[in-house]
Amino acid sequence: MQVTAMDIYRLLPQTNCEDCEEAACGEASCMAFATKLSEKEAQLELCTELSPEGLNKLESLLAPAVREITIGTGDKTITIGGDEVLYRYELTYYNPTSLVIDIADNLDDDEFTERVKTIEETEFERIGEMLTLDAIALRNASGNSDKFAEAASKLKKAKLPLVLCSFDPEAMKAALEKVGDERPLIYGVTEGNLEEMSALAMEYSCPVTIFSPNDLEKMKQISRTLRERGIEDIVLDPGTYVEEGIGDSLDNFVMIRRLAVEEQDEDFRFPILGIPALTWLYEKDEIQGGIREATIAATLMNKYADMLIFHGTNIWELIPVLTLRQGIYTDPRKPQAVDAGLYEFGEVDKDSPVLMTTNFALTFYTVEGDIKGKTNAYLLVLDTEGRAVDVSLAGGQLNAEAVADLIKETGIEEKVDTRKLIIPGLAAPVSGEIEDESGWEVLVGPRDSSAVPGFIDELKEKA
């Protein structure tokens, strides 16, 4: 259940800091501070008038339904969990699903080094954000403790945090002796190794994963036992079935998250891990395996997976998953926008064409990608509160007066001799109004910005 500002306000001192010169919250009132806390835009510790009892009550109230778990240390850190709602439209989702790539401990040195390099260097840019992978999962594929420890020591120099994957406590201990100070995620705890693995988690202060395939009752028992021993950093793996049993996986993921959010069941208030990499146990074809693994990953991400372990590293497989993650983990209450104003592309001069678009991030970066390096032009970006062309036209943000004001405010008239403005094809209904309001000649451009360079070339030929 979402905590409201009023819920928080009731537990604040409600003094509005009138008698406290050292108050550091920086807000005009306790209600304003409560609002910031409810939106995760302020830290509770900023309130200097809270009693220890009040602080404890508020910490408990503000604790997310799903506990946040930090893996790694220093610059090699990721945080998973922290969600408070079942549905994104209710609030937003925090801490994007961590995408992890596995690596076997029995690879030869060259293969091992090359795979680590591939994992670390995988990235691509989309709407102004660089999308990357988050961690490396070391598998004890050899079944040998010494090899597992040796491979773990090689990863000390890696740029990403680690997940250590072995059900053998001896192998896990050997690896932790090498990298335990980096706080890797221990995978995994089962009914059979509970005693040894929990002891290692406590000794090295590492988070642990409970592996209980398709048995939530057993998972609940193990979770309770770990918590009774003082282990609070727990990740849950109910099993990933990548063939006919995928429905069971989805049911378990949804059930765990419902128990956490709706029932506040302390045994299930932890992040969920899925392993689409298991696809490769059944599929040997690289293309079909990659497609299937990406499909499983996307399905689990849509059903509350906080961490996913992959095997495939082909960029064509990872791009759709990274893109889906970017879309899911944006705040639905805040449109993605770029700064409005004037942008220049290429070597512009007084004869360069002038284009216009909106400041919706996806629109802007699409237009940028379509004209950058392909034509020399000025681009006027109108503040439409982060709305696309057709939406802002319907909503009234894209109107003749706003465009005329943008022309004046940016000083574009001092930069070009021409008085021709190319607007998006979808904005054609207001072309006449823009001409009347701005005094510029308005040319209706293509509906798809990929056709803009060709459109500009045609204009030059006619001139």
Protein backbone atom coordinates (compact mmCIF):
# COMPACT_ATOMS: atom_id res chain seq x y z
CA MET A 1 0.00 0.00 0.00
CA GLN A 2 1.33 3.41 -0.97
CA VAL A 3 2.25 5.68 1.95
CA THR A 4 0.69 9.13 1.60
CA ALA A 5 2.09 12.47 2.67
CA MET A 6 -0.61 12.68 5.36
CA ASP A 7 0.45 9.30 6.80
CA ILE A 8 3.98 10.67 7.15
CA TYR A 9 2.87 14.08 8.41
CA ARG A 10 1.04 12.51 11.36
CA LEU A 11 4.34 11.10 12.63
CA LEU A 12 6.42 14.24 12.07
CA PRO A 13 6.90 16.78 14.92
CA GLN A 14 4.53 19.22 13.16
CA THR A 15 6.50 22.17 14.52
CA ASN A 16 7.38 23.50 11.05
CA CYS A 17 10.84 24.03 12.55
CA GLU A 18 9.74 27.29 14.19
CA ASP A 19 11.78 26.60 17.31
CA CYS A 20 14.66 24.75 15.71
CA GLU A 21 17.43 26.86 14.23
CA GLU A 22 19.41 23.79 13.21
CA ALA A 23 16.66 22.25 11.08
CA ALA A 24 18.08 21.04 7.81
CA CYS A 25 15.13 19.72 5.83
CA GLY A 26 14.99 22.97 3.87
CA GLU A 27 11.19 22.90 3.56
CA ALA A 28 8.70 25.57 4.58
CA SER A 29 6.57 23.18 6.63
CA CYS A 30 6.34 19.64 7.93
CA MET A 31 3.66 18.92 5.33
CA ALA A 32 6.00 20.03 2.56
CA PHE A 33 8.71 17.77 3.99
CA ALA A 34 6.21 14.91 4.27
CA THR A 35 5.34 15.36 0.61
CA LYS A 36 9.01 15.19 -0.37
CA LEU A 37 9.44 12.03 1.72
CA SER A 38 6.42 10.39 0.09
CA GLU A 39 7.93 11.13 -3.33
CA LYS A 40 11.38 9.81 -2.27
CA GLU A 41 12.84 13.26 -2.86
CA ALA A 42 14.17 13.81 0.68
CA GLN A 43 15.94 11.87 3.42
CA LEU A 44 14.24 11.28 6.77
CA GLU A 45 17.48 12.05 8.62
CA LEU A 46 17.09 15.72 7.61
CA CYS A 47 14.43 16.17 10.28
CA THR A 48 16.38 17.15 13.40
CA GLU A 49 13.34 17.34 15.71
CA LEU A 50 12.37 13.70 15.51
CA SER A 51 12.68 11.65 18.70
CA PRO A 52 14.35 8.22 18.44
CA GLU A 53 10.91 6.63 18.81
CA GLY A 54 9.45 8.83 16.09
CA LEU A 55 12.39 8.10 13.82
CA ASN A 56 11.87 4.35 14.24
CA LYS A 57 8.17 4.63 13.49
CA LEU A 58 8.77 6.66 10.36
CA GLU A 59 11.56 4.37 9.18
CA SER A 60 9.18 1.45 9.51
CA LEU A 61 6.42 3.34 7.70
CA LEU A 62 8.69 4.45 4.86
CA ALA A 63 10.36 1.08 4.39
CA PRO A 64 9.38 -0.18 0.93
CA ALA A 65 7.27 -3.31 0.63
CA VAL A 66 10.24 -4.98 -1.06
CA ARG A 67 13.51 -4.61 0.81
CA GLU A 68 16.34 -2.89 -1.05
CA ILE A 69 19.39 -5.14 -1.35
CA THR A 70 22.82 -3.76 -2.23
CA ILE A 71 25.31 -6.01 -3.98
CA GLY A 72 28.96 -5.02 -4.25
CA THR A 73 30.97 -2.20 -2.70
CA GLY A 74 32.26 1.22 -3.69
CA ASP A 75 31.93 1.96 -7.40
CA LYS A 76 31.00 -1.68 -8.08
CA THR A 77 27.53 -1.53 -6.58
CA ILE A 78 23.98 -2.29 -7.66
CA THR A 79 20.75 -2.03 -5.69
CA ILE A 80 17.73 -4.19 -6.36
CA GLY A 81 14.25 -4.24 -4.87
CA GLY A 82 12.64 -1.23 -3.23
CA ASP A 83 9.28 -1.48 -4.98
CA GLU A 84 6.20 -0.33 -3.11
CA VAL A 85 3.33 -1.06 -5.48
CA LEU A 86 2.12 -3.83 -7.74
CA TYR A 87 1.24 -1.62 -10.65
CA ARG A 88 3.45 1.03 -12.18
CA TYR A 89 0.63 3.54 -12.65
CA GLU A 90 0.07 3.63 -8.88
CA LEU A 91 3.45 5.21 -8.18
CA THR A 92 6.54 4.10 -10.11
CA TYR A 93 9.07 1.29 -9.96
CA TYR A 94 12.45 2.00 -8.40
CA ASN A 95 15.84 0.32 -8.92
CA PRO A 96 15.70 -1.11 -12.46
CA THR A 97 15.98 -4.87 -12.94
CA SER A 98 19.67 -5.79 -12.83
CA LEU A 99 20.79 -7.63 -15.95
CA VAL A 100 23.58 -10.09 -15.20
CA ILE A 101 25.66 -12.25 -17.57
CA ASP A 102 27.04 -15.61 -16.46
CA ILE A 103 30.57 -16.85 -16.94
CA ALA A 104 31.81 -20.37 -16.28
CA ASP A 105 34.83 -21.03 -14.08
CA ASN A 106 36.17 -23.70 -16.47
CA LEU A 107 36.81 -21.42 -19.47
CA ASP A 108 40.42 -21.10 -20.57
CA ASP A 109 42.14 -17.81 -19.77
CA ASP A 110 41.60 -16.22 -23.18
CA GLU A 111 37.91 -17.13 -23.34
CA PHE A 112 37.42 -15.97 -19.77
CA THR A 113 39.09 -12.62 -20.38
CA GLU A 114 37.23 -12.05 -23.64
CA ARG A 115 33.84 -12.81 -22.07
CA VAL A 116 34.48 -10.42 -19.19
CA LYS A 117 35.48 -7.73 -21.68
CA THR A 118 32.30 -8.32 -23.69
CA ILE A 119 30.13 -8.04 -20.59
CA GLU A 120 31.82 -4.84 -19.41
CA GLU A 121 31.77 -3.14 -22.80
CA THR A 122 28.22 -3.98 -23.84
CA GLU A 123 26.32 -0.70 -24.14
CA PHE A 124 24.12 1.33 -26.43
CA GLU A 125 22.53 4.75 -26.23
CA ARG A 126 18.79 5.34 -26.39
CA ILE A 127 16.96 8.64 -25.88
CA GLY A 128 19.99 10.16 -24.23
CA GLU A 129 20.68 7.33 -21.78
CA MET A 130 23.53 4.84 -22.00
CA LEU A 131 22.14 1.34 -21.40
CA THR A 132 24.59 -1.18 -19.92
CA LEU A 133 24.78 -4.52 -18.11
CA ASP A 134 25.00 -4.59 -14.32
CA ALA A 135 26.88 -7.59 -12.92
CA ILE A 136 28.75 -10.83 -13.61
CA ALA A 137 27.54 -14.22 -12.36
CA LEU A 138 30.37 -16.70 -11.86
CA ARG A 139 29.18 -20.32 -12.23
CA ASN A 140 30.95 -23.22 -10.57
CA ALA A 141 30.61 -25.20 -13.81
CA SER A 142 33.75 -27.18 -13.05
CA GLY A 143 32.44 -28.49 -9.75
CA ASN A 144 35.91 -27.80 -8.38
CA SER A 145 36.46 -25.49 -5.40
CA ASP A 146 39.96 -24.44 -6.44
CA LYS A 147 38.89 -23.52 -9.97
CA PHE A 148 35.94 -21.58 -8.62
CA ALA A 149 38.19 -19.64 -6.27
CA GLU A 150 40.77 -19.02 -9.00
CA ALA A 151 38.10 -17.68 -11.36
CA ALA A 152 36.69 -15.49 -8.59
CA SER A 153 40.11 -13.98 -7.97
CA LYS A 154 40.35 -13.07 -11.69
CA LEU A 155 37.15 -11.07 -11.31
CA LYS A 156 38.62 -8.88 -8.58
CA LYS A 157 39.70 -6.53 -11.37
CA ALA A 158 36.31 -6.60 -13.11
CA LYS A 159 34.34 -3.35 -13.28
CA LEU A 160 31.05 -4.94 -12.20
CA PRO A 161 29.77 -6.51 -8.95
CA LEU A 162 29.60 -10.28 -8.66
CA VAL A 163 27.13 -13.09 -8.13
CA LEU A 164 28.76 -16.34 -6.97
CA CYS A 165 26.76 -19.36 -8.18
CA SER A 166 27.34 -22.66 -6.43
CA PHE A 167 25.34 -24.92 -4.14
CA ASP A 168 28.56 -26.36 -2.71
CA PRO A 169 29.47 -24.60 0.56
CA GLU A 170 33.14 -25.58 0.22
CA ALA A 171 33.39 -24.01 -3.23
CA MET A 172 31.52 -20.93 -2.01
CA LYS A 173 33.86 -20.56 0.95
CA ALA A 174 36.91 -20.86 -1.31
CA ALA A 175 35.55 -18.12 -3.61
CA LEU A 176 34.56 -15.86 -0.72
CA GLU A 177 38.10 -16.07 0.63
CA LYS A 178 39.12 -14.34 -2.59
CA VAL A 179 36.29 -11.84 -3.16
CA GLY A 180 34.22 -11.83 0.03
CA ASP A 181 35.33 -8.27 0.78
CA GLU A 182 33.51 -7.14 -2.39
CA ARG A 183 30.15 -8.24 -1.01
CA PRO A 184 29.03 -10.56 -3.81
CA LEU A 185 25.56 -12.11 -3.89
CA ILE A 186 25.75 -15.71 -2.66
CA TYR A 187 23.72 -18.08 -4.84
CA GLY A 188 22.30 -20.13 -3.46
CA VAL A 189 20.83 -21.31 -0.20
CA THR A 190 18.77 -24.50 -0.26
CA GLU A 191 17.27 -26.71 2.41
CA GLY A 192 20.30 -28.98 2.08
CA ASN A 193 23.04 -26.37 2.55
CA LEU A 194 21.22 -23.88 4.79
CA GLU A 195 23.52 -24.23 7.79
CA GLU A 196 26.77 -23.79 5.90
CA MET A 197 25.62 -21.07 3.51
CA SER A 198 23.98 -18.97 6.21
CA ALA A 199 27.19 -19.16 8.24
CA LEU A 200 29.17 -17.90 5.24
CA ALA A 201 26.68 -15.07 4.65
CA MET A 202 27.10 -13.94 8.25
CA GLU A 203 30.88 -14.32 8.23
CA TYR A 204 31.35 -12.26 5.06
CA SER A 205 28.29 -9.98 5.46
CA CYS A 206 27.03 -10.92 2.01
CA PRO A 207 23.48 -11.06 0.68
CA VAL A 208 22.13 -14.52 -0.14
CA THR A 209 19.69 -16.05 -2.60
CA ILE A 210 17.16 -18.66 -1.55
CA PHE A 211 16.62 -21.27 -4.25
CA SER A 212 13.34 -23.10 -3.73
CA PRO A 213 11.97 -24.21 -7.12
CA ASN A 214 8.16 -24.12 -7.25
CA ASP A 215 7.83 -24.48 -3.47
CA LEU A 216 6.88 -21.23 -1.77
CA GLU A 217 6.16 -22.95 1.54
CA LYS A 218 9.71 -24.23 1.68
CA MET A 219 10.97 -20.78 0.62
CA LYS A 220 9.01 -19.22 3.47
CA GLN A 221 10.59 -21.59 5.99
CA ILE A 222 14.12 -20.90 4.76
CA SER A 223 13.48 -17.15 4.67
CA ARG A 224 12.23 -17.18 8.25
CA THR A 225 15.21 -19.24 9.41
CA LEU A 226 17.66 -16.84 7.77
CA ARG A 227 15.94 -13.81 9.30
CA GLU A 228 15.94 -15.41 12.74
CA ARG A 229 19.71 -15.72 12.38
CA GLY A 230 20.00 -12.01 11.63
CA ILE A 231 20.32 -12.26 7.84
CA GLU A 232 18.11 -9.59 6.26
CA ASP A 233 19.67 -9.19 2.81
CA ILE A 234 17.85 -11.93 0.96
CA VAL A 235 16.96 -12.53 -2.70
CA LEU A 236 14.30 -15.05 -3.72
CA ASP A 237 14.55 -17.51 -6.62
CA PRO A 238 11.36 -19.60 -6.99
CA GLY A 239 12.77 -21.33 -10.05
CA THR A 240 12.76 -20.33 -13.70
CA TYR A 241 11.01 -22.81 -15.98
CA VAL A 242 11.78 -21.95 -19.57
CA GLU A 243 9.66 -24.56 -21.35
CA GLU A 244 6.16 -25.79 -20.52
CA GLY A 245 6.51 -24.75 -16.89
CA ILE A 246 6.90 -21.02 -17.63
CA GLY A 247 3.38 -20.47 -16.32
CA ASP A 248 4.43 -21.83 -12.92
CA SER A 249 7.33 -19.38 -12.82
CA LEU A 250 5.04 -16.46 -13.60
CA ASP A 251 2.54 -17.59 -10.96
CA ASN A 252 5.29 -17.81 -8.35
CA PHE A 253 6.74 -14.40 -9.21
CA VAL A 254 3.31 -12.77 -8.98
CA MET A 255 2.42 -14.60 -5.77
CA ILE A 256 5.66 -13.54 -4.07
CA ARG A 257 5.17 -9.90 -5.00
CA ARG A 258 1.52 -9.92 -3.90
CA LEU A 259 2.49 -11.45 -0.56
CA ALA A 260 5.07 -8.68 -0.14
CA VAL A 261 2.98 -5.69 -1.21
CA GLU A 262 -0.58 -6.63 -0.29
CA GLU A 263 -0.04 -8.99 2.64
CA GLN A 264 3.17 -7.45 3.99
CA ASP A 265 4.41 -11.00 4.61
CA GLU A 266 7.86 -10.51 6.14
CA ASP A 267 9.13 -13.78 4.68
CA PHE A 268 8.58 -12.59 1.10
CA ARG A 269 9.45 -8.90 1.23
CA PHE A 270 12.60 -9.39 -0.84
CA PRO A 271 13.73 -8.98 -4.47
CA ILE A 272 13.06 -11.79 -6.96
CA LEU A 273 15.67 -13.38 -9.22
CA GLY A 274 15.03 -15.14 -12.52
CA ILE A 275 17.45 -17.13 -14.68
CA PRO A 276 16.52 -17.03 -18.37
CA ALA A 277 20.00 -18.46 -19.02
CA LEU A 278 18.46 -21.88 -18.32
CA THR A 279 17.07 -21.64 -21.86
CA TRP A 280 20.44 -22.90 -23.09
CA LEU A 281 19.98 -26.24 -21.36
CA TYR A 282 17.33 -27.02 -23.97
CA GLU A 283 18.22 -24.85 -26.97
CA LYS A 284 21.60 -25.13 -28.70
CA ASP A 285 20.93 -22.96 -31.74
CA GLU A 286 22.43 -19.52 -31.10
CA ILE A 287 19.72 -17.52 -32.84
CA GLN A 288 16.73 -19.43 -31.53
CA GLY A 289 18.31 -19.63 -28.08
CA GLY A 290 18.93 -15.89 -28.00
CA ILE A 291 15.38 -15.09 -29.10
CA ARG A 292 13.91 -17.46 -26.54
CA GLU A 293 16.15 -16.22 -23.73
CA ALA A 294 15.23 -12.60 -24.46
CA THR A 295 11.53 -13.52 -24.56
CA ILE A 296 11.70 -15.30 -21.21
CA ALA A 297 13.63 -12.37 -19.72
CA ALA A 298 11.09 -9.81 -20.95
CA THR A 299 8.23 -11.92 -19.61
CA LEU A 300 9.79 -12.23 -16.15
CA MET A 301 10.72 -8.55 -16.05
CA ASN A 302 7.09 -7.68 -16.67
CA LYS A 303 6.20 -9.88 -13.69
CA TYR A 304 8.41 -8.28 -11.04
CA ALA A 305 11.86 -9.81 -11.64
CA ASP A 306 14.44 -7.63 -9.86
CA MET A 307 17.45 -9.47 -11.24
CA LEU A 308 17.90 -11.64 -14.35
CA ILE A 309 20.86 -13.86 -15.20
CA PHE A 310 21.60 -14.32 -18.92
CA HIS A 311 24.00 -16.47 -20.87
CA GLY A 312 23.76 -14.93 -24.35
CA THR A 313 25.80 -11.80 -25.06
CA ASN A 314 24.70 -10.93 -28.60
CA ILE A 315 23.71 -7.27 -28.72
CA TRP A 316 20.65 -8.08 -30.85
CA GLU A 317 19.39 -10.22 -27.97
CA LEU A 318 20.15 -7.72 -25.23
CA ILE A 319 18.89 -4.54 -26.92
CA PRO A 320 15.17 -5.37 -26.64
CA VAL A 321 15.54 -6.35 -22.99
CA LEU A 322 17.53 -3.22 -22.13
CA THR A 323 14.99 -1.10 -24.01
CA LEU A 324 12.06 -2.73 -22.21
CA ARG A 325 13.76 -2.10 -18.88
CA GLN A 326 14.26 1.55 -19.73
CA GLY A 327 10.59 1.90 -20.54
CA ILE A 328 9.33 0.13 -17.43
CA TYR A 329 11.56 2.05 -15.05
CA THR A 330 10.56 5.55 -16.00
CA ASP A 331 8.20 7.51 -13.80
CA PRO A 332 4.78 7.41 -15.52
CA ARG A 333 3.87 10.66 -13.76
CA LYS A 334 6.77 12.57 -15.29
CA PRO A 335 7.07 12.67 -19.09
CA GLN A 336 10.61 12.25 -20.35
CA ALA A 337 11.69 15.63 -21.66
CA VAL A 338 14.76 17.48 -22.90
CA ASP A 339 15.52 21.17 -22.54
CA ALA A 340 13.58 23.39 -24.89
CA GLY A 341 15.50 25.89 -27.02
CA LEU A 342 17.71 26.07 -30.09
CA TYR A 343 20.00 23.25 -31.20
CA GLU A 344 22.53 23.27 -34.03
CA PHE A 345 23.49 20.31 -36.19
CA GLY A 346 26.46 20.37 -38.54
CA GLU A 347 28.02 23.55 -39.92
CA VAL A 348 25.14 25.98 -39.83
CA ASP A 349 25.05 29.46 -41.40
CA LYS A 350 22.53 32.15 -42.31
CA ASP A 351 21.12 30.01 -45.10
CA SER A 352 20.62 26.87 -43.02
CA PRO A 353 17.07 25.46 -42.75
CA VAL A 354 15.17 25.79 -39.47
CA LEU A 355 13.26 22.77 -38.15
CA MET A 356 10.90 22.48 -35.22
CA THR A 357 9.93 19.59 -32.91
CA THR A 358 8.74 19.06 -29.33
CA ASN A 359 10.79 18.38 -26.20
CA PHE A 360 9.46 14.85 -25.68
CA ALA A 361 12.71 12.91 -25.23
CA LEU A 362 11.87 10.06 -27.57
CA THR A 363 10.81 12.51 -30.28
CA PHE A 364 13.88 14.71 -29.84
CA TYR A 365 16.43 11.90 -29.89
CA THR A 366 14.72 10.28 -32.87
CA VAL A 367 14.92 13.55 -34.80
CA GLU A 368 18.50 14.08 -33.66
CA GLY A 369 19.48 10.63 -34.88
CA ASP A 370 17.81 11.23 -38.22
CA ILE A 371 19.50 14.57 -38.98
CA LYS A 372 22.82 14.48 -37.13
CA GLY A 373 25.63 14.03 -39.62
CA LYS A 374 23.16 13.97 -42.52
CA THR A 375 22.27 17.63 -42.90
CA ASN A 376 23.17 21.05 -41.57
CA ALA A 377 20.22 22.61 -39.79
CA TYR A 378 18.90 24.52 -36.80
CA LEU A 379 16.36 22.71 -34.63
CA LEU A 380 13.85 24.63 -32.52
CA VAL A 381 12.63 22.50 -29.62
CA LEU A 382 9.29 23.60 -28.19
CA ASP A 383 8.43 23.04 -24.53
CA THR A 384 5.34 20.82 -24.68
CA GLU A 385 5.80 19.48 -21.13
CA GLY A 386 7.41 16.36 -22.52
CA ARG A 387 4.60 15.46 -24.91
CA ALA A 388 4.96 14.19 -28.47
CA VAL A 389 3.84 16.18 -31.51
CA ASP A 390 0.38 14.68 -31.95
CA VAL A 391 -0.34 14.59 -28.19
CA SER A 392 0.81 18.19 -27.62
CA LEU A 393 -1.21 19.32 -30.62
CA ALA A 394 -4.33 17.73 -29.16
CA GLY A 395 -3.55 19.06 -25.70
CA GLY A 396 -2.87 22.60 -26.86
CA GLN A 397 0.78 22.80 -25.82
CA LEU A 398 1.81 22.98 -29.48
CA ASN A 399 0.13 26.17 -30.62
CA ALA A 400 0.92 29.17 -32.81
CA GLU A 401 1.60 31.59 -29.94
CA ALA A 402 4.03 29.18 -28.26
CA VAL A 403 5.95 28.66 -31.50
CA ALA A 404 6.12 32.40 -32.18
CA ASP A 405 7.43 32.99 -28.65
CA LEU A 406 10.04 30.26 -29.15
CA ILE A 407 11.27 31.95 -32.33
CA LYS A 408 11.70 35.24 -30.49
CA GLU A 409 13.22 33.81 -27.31
CA THR A 410 15.88 31.72 -29.09
CA GLY A 411 17.07 34.59 -31.28
CA ILE A 412 16.96 32.40 -34.37
CA GLU A 413 15.95 35.44 -36.44
CA GLU A 414 19.41 36.91 -35.82
CA LYS A 415 21.12 33.71 -36.97
CA VAL A 416 19.40 33.15 -40.33
CA ASP A 417 18.36 35.29 -43.27
CA THR A 418 15.57 32.90 -44.20
CA ARG A 419 12.15 33.11 -42.57
CA LYS A 420 11.04 29.59 -43.36
CA LEU A 421 10.13 27.11 -40.63
CA ILE A 422 9.81 23.37 -41.29
CA ILE A 423 7.32 21.83 -38.87
CA PRO A 424 6.53 18.11 -38.34
CA GLY A 425 3.98 16.63 -40.67
CA LEU A 426 1.69 15.85 -37.72
CA ALA A 427 1.58 19.57 -36.85
CA ALA A 428 0.09 20.51 -40.23
CA PRO A 429 -3.31 21.58 -38.72
CA VAL A 430 -1.69 24.63 -37.08
CA SER A 431 0.62 25.61 -39.94
CA GLY A 432 -1.52 28.56 -41.00
CA GLU A 433 -1.90 29.84 -37.45
CA ILE A 434 1.87 29.67 -36.91
CA GLU A 435 2.40 31.71 -40.08
CA ASP A 436 -0.08 34.36 -38.94
CA GLU A 437 1.36 34.56 -35.43
CA SER A 438 5.08 34.42 -36.27
CA GLY A 439 5.27 36.07 -39.66
CA TRP A 440 7.37 33.15 -40.94
CA GLU A 441 6.55 30.99 -43.92
CA VAL A 442 5.70 27.53 -42.62
CA LEU A 443 6.59 24.40 -44.59
CA VAL A 444 4.95 21.15 -43.53
CA GLY A 445 7.67 18.53 -43.34
CA PRO A 446 7.50 14.72 -43.35
CA ARG A 447 5.55 12.80 -40.72
CA ASP A 448 8.63 10.62 -40.19
CA SER A 449 11.86 12.48 -39.33
CA SER A 450 13.93 9.91 -41.22
CA ALA A 451 12.73 11.65 -44.39
CA VAL A 452 13.88 15.11 -43.25
CA PRO A 453 17.34 15.09 -44.93
CA GLY A 454 15.76 14.17 -48.26
CA PHE A 455 13.07 16.82 -47.75
CA ILE A 456 15.75 19.47 -47.18
CA ASP A 457 17.69 18.34 -50.26
CA GLU A 458 14.54 18.74 -52.37
CA LEU A 459 14.05 22.27 -51.05
CA LYS A 460 17.61 23.17 -52.01
CA GLU A 461 17.10 21.84 -55.53
CA LYS A 462 13.96 23.94 -55.96
CA ALA A 463 15.60 27.08 -54.62
